[in-house]
Amino acid sequence: MKDEKMTPIEMIGQDKNGELEKEKVHVVDKLIDYIPNAVLSRTILKKTTGNVTAMAFDTGEEIGEKSVPFDTYIQIIDGSAHVTIDNTKHSISLGSGIVIPAHRLHAFNANEKFKMLSTIIKSGYEDFPPVFF
């Protein structure tokens, strides 16, 4: 068994597909830094079947209401967040997560700094009957 030493995050690059380098041990909440007055994202995995993205929100930042055609799992890795799904507000703290169902309106608001992992699984079309023209 090989020794898995931690690699400083600034040394972990991205491959030609924009994904985080494979076989590098890292600390999840150190994958991304906060930037004042911004929302920052970093791709961890990007496949045709789904994506995993780390995001950092500075205090007061938000992502406005939107919907996506896939289920999305959100996990808070630093701080706490406010997520609204179809007008229902949820407070999510460090170590907690929530599934945002496909096709549901949702928004993120940072009353304080927070970091999250977003995992999108690109399926779910089977939940809707086919549309014929």
Protein backbone atom coordinates (compact mmCIF):
# COMPACT_ATOMS: atom_id res chain seq x y z
CA MET A 1 0.00 0.00 0.00
CA LYS A 2 1.47 3.33 -1.02
CA ASP A 3 1.73 6.27 1.36
CA GLU A 4 -1.01 8.84 0.62
CA LYS A 5 0.56 12.17 1.50
CA MET A 6 -1.44 15.35 1.33
CA THR A 7 -0.62 17.56 -1.63
CA PRO A 8 -0.89 21.32 -1.11
CA ILE A 9 -3.99 22.46 -3.00
CA GLU A 10 -2.08 25.06 -4.98
CA MET A 11 -0.09 22.14 -6.45
CA ILE A 12 -3.17 20.18 -7.53
CA GLY A 13 -3.87 21.14 -11.09
CA GLN A 14 -6.55 20.33 -13.58
CA ASP A 15 -6.24 17.92 -16.48
CA LYS A 16 -6.97 18.66 -20.15
CA ASN A 17 -10.70 18.03 -19.54
CA GLY A 18 -10.83 20.67 -16.79
CA GLU A 19 -11.11 18.06 -14.02
CA LEU A 20 -9.15 17.96 -10.78
CA GLU A 21 -6.01 15.83 -11.09
CA LYS A 22 -6.68 12.22 -10.22
CA GLU A 23 -4.86 10.23 -7.52
CA LYS A 24 -4.02 13.35 -5.48
CA VAL A 25 -5.23 13.31 -1.88
CA HIS A 26 -6.71 16.67 -0.87
CA VAL A 27 -8.73 18.37 1.85
CA VAL A 28 -12.20 19.05 0.42
CA ASP A 29 -12.78 22.49 1.95
CA LYS A 30 -9.36 23.64 0.69
CA LEU A 31 -10.19 22.93 -2.98
CA ILE A 32 -11.35 26.50 -3.43
CA ASP A 33 -10.69 29.84 -1.74
CA TYR A 34 -12.96 32.76 -1.00
CA ILE A 35 -12.65 35.87 -3.14
CA PRO A 36 -14.18 39.14 -1.85
CA ASN A 37 -17.53 40.03 -3.43
CA ALA A 38 -17.63 36.91 -5.61
CA VAL A 39 -18.91 33.41 -6.18
CA LEU A 40 -16.10 31.13 -7.34
CA SER A 41 -16.34 27.61 -8.75
CA ARG A 42 -13.84 24.83 -9.46
CA THR A 43 -14.60 21.72 -11.48
CA ILE A 44 -13.72 18.48 -9.74
CA LEU A 45 -15.26 16.03 -12.23
CA LYS A 46 -17.03 16.75 -15.51
CA LYS A 47 -18.61 13.88 -17.42
CA THR A 48 -21.48 13.51 -19.87
CA THR A 49 -23.38 11.76 -17.05
CA GLY A 50 -22.85 14.48 -14.44
CA ASN A 51 -20.57 16.99 -12.72
CA VAL A 52 -19.03 17.61 -9.31
CA THR A 53 -18.16 21.24 -8.62
CA ALA A 54 -16.76 23.04 -5.56
CA MET A 55 -18.12 26.56 -5.00
CA ALA A 56 -17.23 29.38 -2.60
CA PHE A 57 -19.64 32.26 -1.85
CA ASP A 58 -18.51 35.44 -0.13
CA THR A 59 -20.89 37.04 2.37
CA GLY A 60 -23.82 38.73 0.63
CA GLU A 61 -23.38 36.89 -2.67
CA GLU A 62 -26.11 34.82 -4.27
CA ILE A 63 -27.10 32.77 -7.28
CA GLY A 64 -30.54 33.78 -8.43
CA GLU A 65 -33.46 31.46 -8.98
CA LYS A 66 -33.02 28.84 -11.71
CA SER A 67 -33.92 25.25 -12.47
CA VAL A 68 -31.98 22.42 -14.08
CA PRO A 69 -33.35 19.23 -15.65
CA PHE A 70 -31.40 16.99 -13.26
CA ASP A 71 -31.32 16.13 -9.55
CA THR A 72 -28.59 18.09 -7.75
CA TYR A 73 -26.99 17.15 -4.42
CA ILE A 74 -25.58 20.05 -2.38
CA GLN A 75 -23.21 19.44 0.54
CA ILE A 76 -21.89 22.29 2.71
CA ILE A 77 -18.14 21.95 3.35
CA ASP A 78 -17.56 25.28 5.14
CA GLY A 79 -19.91 27.76 6.84
CA SER A 80 -23.66 27.60 6.30
CA ALA A 81 -26.00 28.48 3.44
CA HIS A 82 -29.57 29.46 2.71
CA VAL A 83 -31.13 27.54 -0.16
CA THR A 84 -34.62 28.25 -1.45
CA ILE A 85 -36.37 25.47 -3.36
CA ASP A 86 -39.78 26.40 -4.83
CA ASN A 87 -40.23 29.24 -2.29
CA THR A 88 -39.31 27.02 0.69
CA LYS A 89 -36.23 28.27 2.55
CA HIS A 90 -33.71 25.78 3.94
CA SER A 91 -30.75 26.55 6.21
CA ILE A 92 -27.92 24.11 5.62
CA SER A 93 -24.92 23.98 7.93
CA LEU A 94 -21.44 22.47 7.76
CA GLY A 95 -21.58 18.75 7.00
CA SER A 96 -25.23 18.86 5.93
CA GLY A 97 -26.67 18.38 2.48
CA ILE A 98 -29.88 18.56 0.49
CA VAL A 99 -31.16 17.10 -2.77
CA ILE A 100 -32.67 19.65 -5.14
CA PRO A 101 -35.12 17.76 -7.35
CA ALA A 102 -34.91 18.12 -11.13
CA HIS A 103 -36.95 20.93 -12.70
CA ARG A 104 -37.45 22.76 -9.37
CA LEU A 105 -36.69 26.46 -9.01
CA HIS A 106 -33.87 27.06 -6.53
CA ALA A 107 -31.54 29.85 -5.38
CA PHE A 108 -28.53 30.23 -3.04
CA ASN A 109 -27.91 33.10 -0.64
CA ALA A 110 -24.80 33.69 1.48
CA ASN A 111 -25.69 35.45 4.73
CA GLU A 112 -22.17 34.37 5.68
CA LYS A 113 -19.29 32.88 3.70
CA PHE A 114 -19.81 29.29 2.70
CA LYS A 115 -18.37 26.58 0.49
CA MET A 116 -20.29 23.72 -1.06
CA LEU A 117 -19.97 20.73 -3.32
CA SER A 118 -22.57 20.44 -6.05
CA THR A 119 -23.12 17.00 -7.60
CA ILE A 120 -25.38 16.81 -10.63
CA ILE A 121 -26.50 13.43 -11.94
CA LYS A 122 -27.64 13.82 -15.53
CA SER A 123 -30.66 11.55 -15.65
CA GLY A 124 -34.26 11.86 -14.60
CA TYR A 125 -35.82 12.14 -18.01
CA GLU A 126 -37.50 8.82 -17.27
CA ASP A 127 -39.68 10.72 -14.77
CA PHE A 128 -41.39 12.59 -17.59
CA PRO A 129 -43.43 11.11 -20.44
CA PRO A 130 -41.98 11.61 -23.91
CA VAL A 131 -43.21 14.60 -25.88
CA PHE A 132 -44.27 13.92 -29.46
CA PHE A 133 -44.68 16.62 -32.08
